[in-house]
PDB file of N, CA and C in Angstrom:
ATOM      1  N   MET A   1      15.679   2.533   7.795  1.00  0.00           N
ATOM      2  CA  MET A   1      14.618   1.492   7.463  1.00  0.00           C
ATOM      3  C   MET A   1      13.774   0.457   8.344  1.00  0.00           C
ATOM      4  N   ALA A   2      14.856   0.095   9.087  1.00  0.00           N
ATOM      5  CA  ALA A   2      14.148  -1.055   9.851  1.00  0.00           C
ATOM      6  C   ALA A   2      13.506  -0.791  10.600  1.00  0.00           C
ATOM      7  N   ASN A   3      12.044   0.143  10.894  1.00  0.00           N
ATOM      8  CA  ASN A   3      11.225   0.814  11.046  1.00  0.00           C
ATOM      9  C   ASN A   3       9.851   0.715   9.881  1.00  0.00           C
ATOM     10  N   TYR A   4      10.448   0.577   8.881  1.00  0.00           N
ATOM     11  CA  TYR A   4       9.751   0.451   7.612  1.00  0.00           C
ATOM     12  C   TYR A   4       9.198  -1.059   6.656  1.00  0.00           C
ATOM     13  N   SER A   5       9.688  -1.858   7.459  1.00  0.00           N
ATOM     14  CA  SER A   5       9.941  -3.820   7.409  1.00  0.00           C
ATOM     15  C   SER A   5       9.661  -4.255   7.978  1.00  0.00           C
ATOM     16  N   THR A   6       8.996  -4.923   8.029  1.00  0.00           N
ATOM     17  CA  THR A   6       7.760  -6.952   8.792  1.00  0.00           C
ATOM     18  C   THR A   6       9.559  -7.736   9.213  1.00  0.00           C
ATOM     19  N   MET A   7      10.461  -7.494   8.597  1.00  0.00           N
ATOM     20  CA  MET A   7      11.769  -7.735   8.930  1.00  0.00           C
ATOM     21  C   MET A   7      12.249  -6.991  10.365  1.00  0.00           C
ATOM     22  N   ASN A   8      12.007  -5.888  10.353  1.00  0.00           N
ATOM     23  CA  ASN A   8      13.273  -4.827  11.021  1.00  0.00           C
ATOM     24  C   ASN A   8      14.443  -4.726  10.571  1.00  0.00           C
ATOM     25  N   VAL A   9      14.561  -4.920   9.874  1.00  0.00           N
ATOM     26  CA  VAL A   9      16.181  -4.861   9.145  1.00  0.00           C
ATOM     27  C   VAL A   9      15.804  -3.578   8.096  1.00  0.00           C
ATOM     28  N   GLY A  10      17.441  -3.061   7.438  1.00  0.00           N
ATOM     29  CA  GLY A  10      17.575  -2.091   6.846  1.00  0.00           C
ATOM     30  C   GLY A  10      18.446  -0.955   7.274  1.00  0.00           C
ATOM     31  N   GLY A  11      18.890  -0.718   6.348  1.00  0.00           N
ATOM     32  CA  GLY A  11      20.056   0.867   6.746  1.00  0.00           C
ATOM     33  C   GLY A  11      19.097   1.681   6.847  1.00  0.00           C
ATOM     34  N   LYS A  12      19.457   2.971   6.806  1.00  0.00           N
ATOM     35  CA  LYS A  12      19.043   4.149   6.329  1.00  0.00           C
ATOM     36  C   LYS A  12      19.028   4.615   4.576  1.00  0.00           C
ATOM     37  N   ALA A  13      17.741   5.358   4.681  1.00  0.00           N
ATOM     38  CA  ALA A  13      17.351   5.917   3.596  1.00  0.00           C
ATOM     39  C   ALA A  13      18.251   7.187   3.462  1.00  0.00           C
ATOM     40  N   ASP A  14      18.343   8.004   1.967  1.00  0.00           N
ATOM     41  CA  ASP A  14      18.362   8.809   1.806  1.00  0.00           C
ATOM     42  C   ASP A  14      18.115  10.425   2.090  1.00  0.00           C
ATOM     43  N   ALA A  15      16.566   9.941   1.529  1.00  0.00           N
ATOM     44  CA  ALA A  15      15.482  10.399   2.774  1.00  0.00           C
ATOM     45  C   ALA A  15      14.057  10.138   2.249  1.00  0.00           C
ATOM     46  N   LEU A  16      13.110  10.181   3.225  1.00  0.00           N
ATOM     47  CA  LEU A  16      12.106   9.399   3.132  1.00  0.00           C
ATOM     48  C   LEU A  16      10.688  10.282   3.071  1.00  0.00           C
ATOM     49  N   ILE A  17       9.904   9.836   2.610  1.00  0.00           N
ATOM     50  CA  ILE A  17       8.909  11.132   2.860  1.00  0.00           C
ATOM     51  C   ILE A  17       7.380   9.928   3.040  1.00  0.00           C
ATOM     52  N   ILE A  18       6.595  10.284   3.939  1.00  0.00           N
ATOM     53  CA  ILE A  18       5.462   9.582   3.971  1.00  0.00           C
ATOM     54  C   ILE A  18       4.137  10.248   3.502  1.00  0.00           C
ATOM     55  N   LEU A  19       3.664   9.065   3.145  1.00  0.00           N
ATOM     56  CA  LEU A  19       2.611  10.144   1.721  1.00  0.00           C
ATOM     57  C   LEU A  19       1.468   9.306   2.404  1.00  0.00           C
ATOM     58  N   TYR A  20      -0.237   9.793   1.903  1.00  0.00           N
ATOM     59  CA  TYR A  20      -1.244   9.604   3.263  1.00  0.00           C
ATOM     60  C   TYR A  20      -2.330   9.333   1.914  1.00  0.00           C
ATOM     61  N   SER A  21      -2.493   9.640   1.344  1.00  0.00           N
ATOM     62  CA  SER A  21      -3.377   9.458  -0.027  1.00  0.00           C
ATOM     63  C   SER A  21      -3.060   9.447  -1.786  1.00  0.00           C
ATOM     64  N   ALA A  22      -4.000   8.654  -2.158  1.00  0.00           N
ATOM     65  CA  ALA A  22      -3.553   8.286  -3.626  1.00  0.00           C
ATOM     66  C   ALA A  22      -3.316   9.912  -4.412  1.00  0.00           C
ATOM     67  N   VAL A  23      -4.369  11.067  -4.199  1.00  0.00           N
ATOM     68  CA  VAL A  23      -4.187  12.154  -4.938  1.00  0.00           C
ATOM     69  C   VAL A  23      -2.665  12.740  -4.398  1.00  0.00           C
ATOM     70  N   GLU A  24      -2.238  12.786  -3.374  1.00  0.00           N
ATOM     71  CA  GLU A  24      -1.095  13.308  -2.607  1.00  0.00           C
ATOM     72  C   GLU A  24       0.478  12.296  -3.617  1.00  0.00           C
ATOM     73  N   MET A  25       0.110  11.197  -3.409  1.00  0.00           N
ATOM     74  CA  MET A  25       1.086  10.412  -4.016  1.00  0.00           C
ATOM     75  C   MET A  25       0.684  10.754  -5.579  1.00  0.00           C
ATOM     76  N   GLU A  26       0.635  11.057  -6.316  1.00  0.00           N
ATOM     77  CA  GLU A  26      -0.106  11.268  -7.841  1.00  0.00           C
ATOM     78  C   GLU A  26       0.501  12.459  -7.534  1.00  0.00           C
ATOM     79  N   ASN A  27      -0.076  13.438  -7.116  1.00  0.00           N
ATOM     80  CA  ASN A  27       1.180  14.889  -7.378  1.00  0.00           C
ATOM     81  C   ASN A  27       2.274  15.092  -6.915  1.00  0.00           C
ATOM     82  N   PHE A  28       2.752  14.326  -6.015  1.00  0.00           N
ATOM     83  CA  PHE A  28       4.245  14.262  -5.420  1.00  0.00           C
ATOM     84  C   PHE A  28       4.971  13.409  -6.456  1.00  0.00           C
ATOM     85  N   ILE A  29       4.419  12.510  -6.727  1.00  0.00           N
ATOM     86  CA  ILE A  29       5.236  11.864  -7.966  1.00  0.00           C
ATOM     87  C   ILE A  29       5.343  12.095  -9.290  1.00  0.00           C
ATOM     88  N   LYS A  30       4.412  13.237  -9.842  1.00  0.00           N
ATOM     89  CA  LYS A  30       4.737  13.827 -11.352  1.00  0.00           C
ATOM     90  C   LYS A  30       5.611  14.600 -10.684  1.00  0.00           C
ATOM     91  N   LYS A  31       5.861  15.649  -9.798  1.00  0.00           N
ATOM     92  CA  LYS A  31       6.734  16.270  -9.803  1.00  0.00           C
ATOM     93  C   LYS A  31       7.877  15.432  -9.547  1.00  0.00           C
ATOM     94  N   LEU A  32       8.445  14.817  -8.645  1.00  0.00           N
ATOM     95  CA  LEU A  32       9.460  13.567  -9.197  1.00  0.00           C
ATOM     96  C   LEU A  32       9.235  13.416 -10.378  1.00  0.00           C
ATOM     97  N   TRP A  33       8.788  12.745 -11.195  1.00  0.00           N
ATOM     98  CA  TRP A  33       9.357  13.056 -12.547  1.00  0.00           C
ATOM     99  C   TRP A  33      10.040  13.927 -13.320  1.00  0.00           C
ATOM    100  N   ASP A  34       9.041  15.479 -13.247  1.00  0.00           N
ATOM    101  CA  ASP A  34       9.312  16.115 -13.583  1.00  0.00           C
ATOM    102  C   ASP A  34      10.453  16.921 -13.771  1.00  0.00           C
ATOM    103  N   LEU A  35      10.963  16.647 -12.374  1.00  0.00           N
ATOM    104  CA  LEU A  35      12.181  16.632 -11.534  1.00  0.00           C
ATOM    105  C   LEU A  35      13.542  16.163 -12.000  1.00  0.00           C
ATOM    106  N   GLY A  36      13.229  14.734 -12.513  1.00  0.00           N
ATOM    107  CA  GLY A  36      13.918  13.765 -12.851  1.00  0.00           C
ATOM    108  C   GLY A  36      14.780  13.228 -11.786  1.00  0.00           C
ATOM    109  N   ILE A  37      13.858  12.929 -10.533  1.00  0.00           N
ATOM    110  CA  ILE A  37      14.383  12.383  -8.509  1.00  0.00           C
ATOM    111  C   ILE A  37      14.325  11.069  -9.254  1.00  0.00           C
ATOM    112  N   SER A  38      14.636  10.048  -8.705  1.00  0.00           N
ATOM    113  CA  SER A  38      14.494   8.912  -8.764  1.00  0.00           C
ATOM    114  C   SER A  38      14.203   8.619  -6.941  1.00  0.00           C
ATOM    115  N   PHE A  39      13.211   7.673  -7.062  1.00  0.00           N
ATOM    116  CA  PHE A  39      12.505   6.868  -5.698  1.00  0.00           C
ATOM    117  C   PHE A  39      11.952   5.877  -5.461  1.00  0.00           C
ATOM    118  N   THR A  40      12.214   5.182  -4.414  1.00  0.00           N
ATOM    119  CA  THR A  40      11.186   4.422  -4.027  1.00  0.00           C
ATOM    120  C   THR A  40      10.235   4.360  -3.586  1.00  0.00           C
ATOM    121  N   ILE A  41       9.345   3.301  -3.786  1.00  0.00           N
ATOM    122  CA  ILE A  41       7.926   3.127  -3.048  1.00  0.00           C
ATOM    123  C   ILE A  41       7.516   2.016  -2.094  1.00  0.00           C
ATOM    124  N   LEU A  42       7.616   1.936  -1.480  1.00  0.00           N
ATOM    125  CA  LEU A  42       7.683   1.009  -0.305  1.00  0.00           C
ATOM    126  C   LEU A  42       5.987   1.272   0.530  1.00  0.00           C
ATOM    127  N   GLY A  43       5.693  -0.157   0.558  1.00  0.00           N
ATOM    128  CA  GLY A  43       4.104  -0.557   1.516  1.00  0.00           C
ATOM    129  C   GLY A  43       4.070  -0.884   2.902  1.00  0.00           C
ATOM    130  N   SER A  44       4.071  -1.611   2.565  1.00  0.00           N
ATOM    131  CA  SER A  44       3.712  -2.138   4.827  1.00  0.00           C
ATOM    132  C   SER A  44       5.281  -2.572   5.014  1.00  0.00           C
ATOM    133  N   GLY A  45       6.031  -2.940   4.201  1.00  0.00           N
ATOM    134  CA  GLY A  45       7.148  -3.638   4.292  1.00  0.00           C
ATOM    135  C   GLY A  45       7.387  -5.105   4.118  1.00  0.00           C
ATOM    136  N   SER A  46       6.179  -5.766   4.696  1.00  0.00           N
ATOM    137  CA  SER A  46       6.255  -7.304   4.160  1.00  0.00           C
ATOM    138  C   SER A  46       7.027  -7.779   2.866  1.00  0.00           C
ATOM    139  N   ASN A  47       7.199  -9.168   2.504  1.00  0.00           N
ATOM    140  CA  ASN A  47       8.143  -9.380   1.402  1.00  0.00           C
ATOM    141  C   ASN A  47       9.353  -8.925   1.040  1.00  0.00           C
ATOM    142  N   VAL A  48      10.084  -7.624   1.598  1.00  0.00           N
ATOM    143  CA  VAL A  48      11.045  -7.168   1.109  1.00  0.00           C
ATOM    144  C   VAL A  48      12.109  -6.927   2.019  1.00  0.00           C
ATOM    145  N   LEU A  49      12.622  -7.299   1.691  1.00  0.00           N
ATOM    146  CA  LEU A  49      14.417  -7.126   2.643  1.00  0.00           C
ATOM    147  C   LEU A  49      15.559  -6.202   2.329  1.00  0.00           C
ATOM    148  N   ILE A  50      15.539  -5.223   3.349  1.00  0.00           N
ATOM    149  CA  ILE A  50      16.351  -3.805   2.947  1.00  0.00           C
ATOM    150  C   ILE A  50      17.806  -4.099   3.575  1.00  0.00           C
ATOM    151  N   SER A  51      18.627  -3.374   2.441  1.00  0.00           N
ATOM    152  CA  SER A  51      20.213  -3.658   2.707  1.00  0.00           C
ATOM    153  C   SER A  51      20.732  -2.925   4.208  1.00  0.00           C
ATOM    154  N   ASP A  52      21.395  -3.377   4.893  1.00  0.00           N
ATOM    155  CA  ASP A  52      21.716  -3.218   6.062  1.00  0.00           C
ATOM    156  C   ASP A  52      22.503  -1.385   5.489  1.00  0.00           C
ATOM    157  N   LYS A  53      22.826  -1.317   4.356  1.00  0.00           N
ATOM    158  CA  LYS A  53      23.565  -0.103   3.856  1.00  0.00           C
ATOM    159  C   LYS A  53      22.742   0.787   3.369  1.00  0.00           C
ATOM    160  N   GLY A  54      21.056   0.562   3.330  1.00  0.00           N
ATOM    161  CA  GLY A  54      20.094   1.460   3.135  1.00  0.00           C
ATOM    162  C   GLY A  54      19.529   1.338   1.849  1.00  0.00           C
ATOM    163  N   ILE A  55      19.107   2.522   1.441  1.00  0.00           N
ATOM    164  CA  ILE A  55      18.406   2.852   0.218  1.00  0.00           C
ATOM    165  C   ILE A  55      19.184   4.210  -0.500  1.00  0.00           C
ATOM    166  N   ARG A  56      20.076   3.965  -1.358  1.00  0.00           N
ATOM    167  CA  ARG A  56      20.351   5.522  -1.532  1.00  0.00           C
ATOM    168  C   ARG A  56      20.183   6.077  -2.235  1.00  0.00           C
ATOM    169  N   GLU A  57      18.763   6.906  -2.511  1.00  0.00           N
ATOM    170  CA  GLU A  57      17.349   7.704  -3.010  1.00  0.00           C
ATOM    171  C   GLU A  57      16.367   7.263  -1.991  1.00  0.00           C
ATOM    172  N   LEU A  58      15.398   8.561  -2.743  1.00  0.00           N
ATOM    173  CA  LEU A  58      13.976   8.899  -1.636  1.00  0.00           C
ATOM    174  C   LEU A  58      13.550   7.810  -1.949  1.00  0.00           C
ATOM    175  N   VAL A  59      13.252   7.555  -0.349  1.00  0.00           N
ATOM    176  CA  VAL A  59      11.529   6.149  -0.431  1.00  0.00           C
ATOM    177  C   VAL A  59      10.634   7.318   0.359  1.00  0.00           C
ATOM    178  N   LEU A  60       9.344   6.793  -0.773  1.00  0.00           N
ATOM    179  CA  LEU A  60       7.780   7.572  -0.454  1.00  0.00           C
ATOM    180  C   LEU A  60       7.454   6.021   0.235  1.00  0.00           C
ATOM    181  N   VAL A  61       7.197   6.270   1.274  1.00  0.00           N
ATOM    182  CA  VAL A  61       6.183   5.358   2.459  1.00  0.00           C
ATOM    183  C   VAL A  61       4.706   5.779   1.542  1.00  0.00           C
ATOM    184  N   ASN A  62       3.695   4.394   0.999  1.00  0.00           N
ATOM    185  CA  ASN A  62       2.456   4.814   0.485  1.00  0.00           C
ATOM    186  C   ASN A  62       1.908   3.864   1.763  1.00  0.00           C
ATOM    187  N   HIS A  63       1.054   5.053   2.801  1.00  0.00           N
ATOM    188  CA  HIS A  63       0.225   5.151   3.346  1.00  0.00           C
ATOM    189  C   HIS A  63      -1.273   5.131   3.298  1.00  0.00           C
ATOM    190  N   ALA A  64      -1.465   5.401   1.940  1.00  0.00           N
ATOM    191  CA  ALA A  64      -2.760   5.835   1.088  1.00  0.00           C
ATOM    192  C   ALA A  64      -3.567   4.836   1.103  1.00  0.00           C
ATOM    193  N   HIS A  65      -4.649   4.623   2.617  1.00  0.00           N
ATOM    194  CA  HIS A  65      -5.433   3.477   3.390  1.00  0.00           C
ATOM    195  C   HIS A  65      -6.493   3.719   3.371  1.00  0.00           C
ATOM    196  N   ASN A  66      -7.259   4.609   2.463  1.00  0.00           N
ATOM    197  CA  ASN A  66      -8.457   4.829   2.364  1.00  0.00           C
ATOM    198  C   ASN A  66      -8.951   3.504   1.675  1.00  0.00           C
ATOM    199  N   LEU A  67     -10.347   3.151   2.711  1.00  0.00           N
ATOM    200  CA  LEU A  67     -11.326   2.236   1.768  1.00  0.00           C
ATOM    201  C   LEU A  67     -12.350   2.925   1.771  1.00  0.00           C
ATOM    202  N   ARG A  68     -13.326   2.102   0.786  1.00  0.00           N
ATOM    203  CA  ARG A  68     -15.133   2.552   1.048  1.00  0.00           C
ATOM    204  C   ARG A  68     -15.380   1.013   0.043  1.00  0.00           C
ATOM    205  N   ILE A  69     -16.296   0.796   0.820  1.00  0.00           N
ATOM    206  CA  ILE A  69     -17.172  -0.285   0.289  1.00  0.00           C
ATOM    207  C   ILE A  69     -18.750   0.186   0.427  1.00  0.00           C
ATOM    208  N   ASN A  70     -19.562   0.162  -0.297  1.00  0.00           N
ATOM    209  CA  ASN A  70     -20.966   0.335  -1.053  1.00  0.00           C
ATOM    210  C   ASN A  70     -21.992  -0.956  -0.975  1.00  0.00           C
ATOM    211  N   THR A  71     -22.576  -1.538  -0.043  1.00  0.00           N
ATOM    212  CA  THR A  71     -23.019  -2.501  -0.204  1.00  0.00           C
ATOM    213  C   THR A  71     -24.585  -2.109  -0.744  1.00  0.00           C
ATOM    214  N   ASN A  72     -24.652  -0.805  -1.135  1.00  0.00           N
ATOM    215  CA  ASN A  72     -26.231  -0.957  -1.440  1.00  0.00           C
ATOM    216  C   ASN A  72     -26.370  -0.238  -2.784  1.00  0.00           C
ATOM    217  N   VAL A  73     -25.439  -1.000  -3.625  1.00  0.00           N
ATOM    218  CA  VAL A  73     -25.262  -0.724  -4.893  1.00  0.00           C
ATOM    219  C   VAL A  73     -25.509  -2.315  -5.587  1.00  0.00           C
ATOM    220  N   GLN A  74     -25.775  -2.719  -6.835  1.00  0.00           N
ATOM    221  CA  GLN A  74     -25.800  -3.716  -6.894  1.00  0.00           C
ATOM    222  C   GLN A  74     -24.589  -3.770  -8.840  1.00  0.00           C
ATOM    223  N   PRO A  75     -23.959  -4.574  -8.779  1.00  0.00           N
ATOM    224  CA  PRO A  75     -23.076  -5.403  -7.429  1.00  0.00           C
ATOM    225  C   PRO A  75     -22.507  -4.996  -6.591  1.00  0.00           C
ATOM    226  N   ALA A  76     -21.920  -5.049  -5.410  1.00  0.00           N
ATOM    227  CA  ALA A  76     -22.082  -3.798  -4.445  1.00  0.00           C
ATOM    228  C   ALA A  76     -20.163  -3.484  -4.756  1.00  0.00           C
ATOM    229  N   SER A  77     -19.704  -2.722  -4.289  1.00  0.00           N
ATOM    230  CA  SER A  77     -18.818  -2.013  -4.788  1.00  0.00           C
ATOM    231  C   SER A  77     -17.236  -1.834  -3.133  1.00  0.00           C
ATOM    232  N   VAL A  78     -16.219  -2.098  -3.732  1.00  0.00           N
ATOM    233  CA  VAL A  78     -15.540  -2.141  -2.672  1.00  0.00           C
ATOM    234  C   VAL A  78     -14.190  -1.400  -3.700  1.00  0.00           C
ATOM    235  N   TRP A  79     -13.647  -0.148  -2.950  1.00  0.00           N
ATOM    236  CA  TRP A  79     -12.715   0.889  -3.448  1.00  0.00           C
ATOM    237  C   TRP A  79     -11.760   0.729  -2.134  1.00  0.00           C
ATOM    238  N   ALA A  80     -10.306   0.262  -3.082  1.00  0.00           N
ATOM    239  CA  ALA A  80      -8.961   0.486  -1.430  1.00  0.00           C
ATOM    240  C   ALA A  80      -8.404   1.571  -2.468  1.00  0.00           C
ATOM    241  N   GLU A  81      -7.376   2.421  -1.496  1.00  0.00           N
ATOM    242  CA  GLU A  81      -5.752   3.003  -2.006  1.00  0.00           C
ATOM    243  C   GLU A  81      -5.205   1.807  -2.304  1.00  0.00           C
ATOM    244  N   SER A  82      -3.678   2.301  -2.627  1.00  0.00           N
ATOM    245  CA  SER A  82      -2.734   0.484  -2.804  1.00  0.00           C
ATOM    246  C   SER A  82      -2.143   0.588  -1.393  1.00  0.00           C
ATOM    247  N   GLY A  83      -2.015   1.530  -0.732  1.00  0.00           N
ATOM    248  CA  GLY A  83      -1.686   1.316   0.917  1.00  0.00           C
ATOM    249  C   GLY A  83      -2.500   0.556   1.793  1.00  0.00           C
ATOM    250  N   ALA A  84      -3.643   0.469   1.037  1.00  0.00           N
ATOM    251  CA  ALA A  84      -4.441  -0.324   2.487  1.00  0.00           C
ATOM    252  C   ALA A  84      -4.225  -1.730   2.861  1.00  0.00           C
ATOM    253  N   ASN A  85      -4.191  -1.964   3.913  1.00  0.00           N
ATOM    254  CA  ASN A  85      -4.259  -3.471   4.653  1.00  0.00           C
ATOM    255  C   ASN A  85      -4.901  -4.517   3.368  1.00  0.00           C
ATOM    256  N   LEU A  86      -4.108  -5.563   3.013  1.00  0.00           N
ATOM    257  CA  LEU A  86      -5.053  -6.195   2.431  1.00  0.00           C
ATOM    258  C   LEU A  86      -5.705  -6.865   3.178  1.00  0.00           C
ATOM    259  N   ALA A  87      -5.332  -7.679   4.301  1.00  0.00           N
ATOM    260  CA  ALA A  87      -6.517  -8.495   5.236  1.00  0.00           C
ATOM    261  C   ALA A  87      -7.414  -7.548   5.887  1.00  0.00           C
ATOM    262  N   GLN A  88      -7.109  -6.140   6.123  1.00  0.00           N
ATOM    263  CA  GLN A  88      -8.110  -5.672   6.585  1.00  0.00           C
ATOM    264  C   GLN A  88      -8.869  -5.224   5.573  1.00  0.00           C
ATOM    265  N   VAL A  89      -9.118  -4.796   4.883  1.00  0.00           N
ATOM    266  CA  VAL A  89      -9.816  -4.714   3.702  1.00  0.00           C
ATOM    267  C   VAL A  89     -10.715  -6.067   3.237  1.00  0.00           C
ATOM    268  N   ALA A  90     -10.323  -7.253   3.461  1.00  0.00           N
ATOM    269  CA  ALA A  90     -10.608  -8.638   3.653  1.00  0.00           C
ATOM    270  C   ALA A  90     -11.526  -9.000   4.569  1.00  0.00           C
ATOM    271  N   ARG A  91     -11.479  -8.309   5.970  1.00  0.00           N
ATOM    272  CA  ARG A  91     -12.091  -8.697   7.282  1.00  0.00           C
ATOM    273  C   ARG A  91     -13.257  -7.895   6.663  1.00  0.00           C
ATOM    274  N   GLN A  92     -13.315  -6.295   6.808  1.00  0.00           N
ATOM    275  CA  GLN A  92     -14.446  -5.314   6.469  1.00  0.00           C
ATOM    276  C   GLN A  92     -15.313  -5.968   5.360  1.00  0.00           C
ATOM    277  N   THR A  93     -14.841  -6.327   3.929  1.00  0.00           N
ATOM    278  CA  THR A  93     -16.026  -6.943   3.023  1.00  0.00           C
ATOM    279  C   THR A  93     -16.682  -7.722   3.777  1.00  0.00           C
ATOM    280  N   GLY A  94     -16.316  -9.194   4.790  1.00  0.00           N
ATOM    281  CA  GLY A  94     -16.727 -10.034   5.169  1.00  0.00           C
ATOM    282  C   GLY A  94     -17.277  -9.727   5.981  1.00  0.00           C
ATOM    283  N   LEU A  95     -17.119  -8.790   7.062  1.00  0.00           N
ATOM    284  CA  LEU A  95     -17.970  -8.087   7.662  1.00  0.00           C
ATOM    285  C   LEU A  95     -19.412  -7.690   7.407  1.00  0.00           C
ATOM    286  N   ARG A  96     -19.380  -7.419   6.045  1.00  0.00           N
ATOM    287  CA  ARG A  96     -20.459  -6.897   5.313  1.00  0.00           C
ATOM    288  C   ARG A  96     -20.984  -7.379   4.465  1.00  0.00           C
ATOM    289  N   GLY A  97     -21.046  -9.446   4.645  1.00  0.00           N
ATOM    290  CA  GLY A  97     -21.358  -9.982   3.554  1.00  0.00           C
ATOM    291  C   GLY A  97     -20.925 -10.511   2.589  1.00  0.00           C
ATOM    292  N   LEU A  98     -19.800 -10.130   1.937  1.00  0.00           N
ATOM    293  CA  LEU A  98     -19.384 -10.280   0.505  1.00  0.00           C
ATOM    294  C   LEU A  98     -18.325 -11.052   0.910  1.00  0.00           C
ATOM    295  N   SER A  99     -18.217 -11.766  -0.162  1.00  0.00           N
ATOM    296  CA  SER A  99     -17.028 -12.583  -0.252  1.00  0.00           C
ATOM    297  C   SER A  99     -16.224 -13.132  -1.252  1.00  0.00           C
ATOM    298  N   GLY A 100     -15.342 -13.127  -1.202  1.00  0.00           N
ATOM    299  CA  GLY A 100     -14.050 -13.823  -2.506  1.00  0.00           C
ATOM    300  C   GLY A 100     -12.943 -12.973  -1.999  1.00  0.00           C
ATOM    301  N   LEU A 101     -12.621 -12.436  -0.898  1.00  0.00           N
ATOM    302  CA  LEU A 101     -11.367 -12.373  -0.597  1.00  0.00           C
ATOM    303  C   LEU A 101     -10.780 -12.974   0.665  1.00  0.00           C
ATOM    304  N   GLU A 102     -11.532 -14.063   1.076  1.00  0.00           N
ATOM    305  CA  GLU A 102     -11.568 -14.865   1.999  1.00  0.00           C
ATOM    306  C   GLU A 102     -10.160 -14.895   2.411  1.00  0.00           C
ATOM    307  N   TRP A 103      -9.427 -15.491   1.502  1.00  0.00           N
ATOM    308  CA  TRP A 103      -7.832 -15.638   1.552  1.00  0.00           C
ATOM    309  C   TRP A 103      -6.856 -14.974   1.664  1.00  0.00           C
ATOM    310  N   ALA A 104      -7.157 -13.633   1.426  1.00  0.00           N
ATOM    311  CA  ALA A 104      -6.362 -12.394   1.622  1.00  0.00           C
ATOM    312  C   ALA A 104      -6.072 -12.129   3.376  1.00  0.00           C
ATOM    313  N   SER A 105      -7.103 -13.103   4.604  1.00  0.00           N
ATOM    314  CA  SER A 105      -7.439 -12.246   5.447  1.00  0.00           C
ATOM    315  C   SER A 105      -6.207 -12.402   6.505  1.00  0.00           C
ATOM    316  N   ALA A 106      -5.364 -13.239   6.071  1.00  0.00           N
ATOM    317  CA  ALA A 106      -4.271 -13.215   6.849  1.00  0.00           C
ATOM    318  C   ALA A 106      -2.667 -13.007   5.951  1.00  0.00           C
ATOM    319  N   VAL A 107      -2.795 -12.061   4.933  1.00  0.00           N
ATOM    320  CA  VAL A 107      -1.845 -11.232   4.218  1.00  0.00           C
ATOM    321  C   VAL A 107      -1.412 -10.058   5.048  1.00  0.00           C
ATOM    322  N   PRO A 108      -0.219 -10.189   5.015  1.00  0.00           N
ATOM    323  CA  PRO A 108       0.459  -8.884   5.905  1.00  0.00           C
ATOM    324  C   PRO A 108       0.470  -7.674   4.879  1.00  0.00           C
ATOM    325  N   GLY A 109       0.343  -7.708   3.854  1.00  0.00           N
ATOM    326  CA  GLY A 109       0.409  -7.031   2.876  1.00  0.00           C
ATOM    327  C   GLY A 109      -0.446  -5.723   2.213  1.00  0.00           C
ATOM    328  N   THR A 110       0.083  -5.231   1.026  1.00  0.00           N
ATOM    329  CA  THR A 110      -1.417  -3.918   0.579  1.00  0.00           C
ATOM    330  C   THR A 110      -1.996  -4.477  -0.525  1.00  0.00           C
ATOM    331  N   VAL A 111      -2.783  -3.835  -0.632  1.00  0.00           N
ATOM    332  CA  VAL A 111      -3.507  -3.962  -1.984  1.00  0.00           C
ATOM    333  C   VAL A 111      -2.760  -3.597  -3.290  1.00  0.00           C
ATOM    334  N   GLY A 112      -1.650  -2.601  -2.976  1.00  0.00           N
ATOM    335  CA  GLY A 112      -1.099  -2.306  -3.956  1.00  0.00           C
ATOM    336  C   GLY A 112      -0.322  -3.641  -4.285  1.00  0.00           C
ATOM    337  N   GLY A 113       0.643  -4.117  -3.359  1.00  0.00           N
ATOM    338  CA  GLY A 113       1.183  -4.945  -3.435  1.00  0.00           C
ATOM    339  C   GLY A 113       0.754  -6.192  -3.375  1.00  0.00           C
ATOM    340  N   ALA A 114      -0.231  -6.858  -3.771  1.00  0.00           N
ATOM    341  CA  ALA A 114      -0.828  -7.716  -3.821  1.00  0.00           C
ATOM    342  C   ALA A 114      -0.939  -7.597  -5.458  1.00  0.00           C
ATOM    343  N   GLY A 115      -0.940  -6.121  -6.057  1.00  0.00           N
ATOM    344  CA  GLY A 115      -0.991  -6.541  -7.366  1.00  0.00           C
ATOM    345  C   GLY A 115      -2.984  -6.450  -7.795  1.00  0.00           C
ATOM    346  N   MET A 116      -3.201  -6.059  -6.963  1.00  0.00           N
ATOM    347  CA  MET A 116      -4.864  -5.426  -7.701  1.00  0.00           C
ATOM    348  C   MET A 116      -5.636  -4.404  -7.917  1.00  0.00           C
ATOM    349  N   GLU A 117      -5.591  -4.967  -9.116  1.00  0.00           N
ATOM    350  CA  GLU A 117      -6.317  -3.551  -9.588  1.00  0.00           C
ATOM    351  C   GLU A 117      -7.842  -3.610  -9.838  1.00  0.00           C
ATOM    352  N   CYS A 118      -8.699  -4.564 -10.034  1.00  0.00           N
ATOM    353  CA  CYS A 118     -10.157  -4.911 -10.116  1.00  0.00           C
ATOM    354  C   CYS A 118     -10.117  -6.396  -9.743  1.00  0.00           C
ATOM    355  N   TRP A 119     -11.261  -6.645  -8.623  1.00  0.00           N
ATOM    356  CA  TRP A 119     -11.703  -8.088  -8.646  1.00  0.00           C
ATOM    357  C   TRP A 119     -13.138  -7.720  -8.798  1.00  0.00           C
ATOM    358  N   SER A 120     -13.906  -9.245  -8.913  1.00  0.00           N
ATOM    359  CA  SER A 120     -15.420  -9.129  -8.649  1.00  0.00           C
ATOM    360  C   SER A 120     -15.328  -9.536  -7.374  1.00  0.00           C
ATOM    361  N   LEU A 121     -16.147  -9.689  -6.228  1.00  0.00           N
ATOM    362  CA  LEU A 121     -16.499 -10.044  -4.892  1.00  0.00           C
ATOM    363  C   LEU A 121     -17.827 -10.340  -5.396  1.00  0.00           C
TER     364      LEU A 121
END
């Protein structure tokens, strides 16, 4: 798990799967729930310390990074999947003349880790 932590610490997981979209995550998690399989979701691995003993269950790594910014509507819209890098979202919105996420330009985590469900820019 050290390769999935910004602190580069942590033992092995029982199993690890990388998911690349919100739809893929949704479908996979529904199957896990149906099968009664426990799991942990990991984003960018910032602000977490993983034990050297590892994680004794399936780890889902959230690489759902998709980002859409539409400045052709009023108000402009920003849609980001939970695995999107928060600092990258802030930079991309700023480059398009949108404000409100300046505070996030140096945050190492993800949109999902920041608990951002809906923000008005």
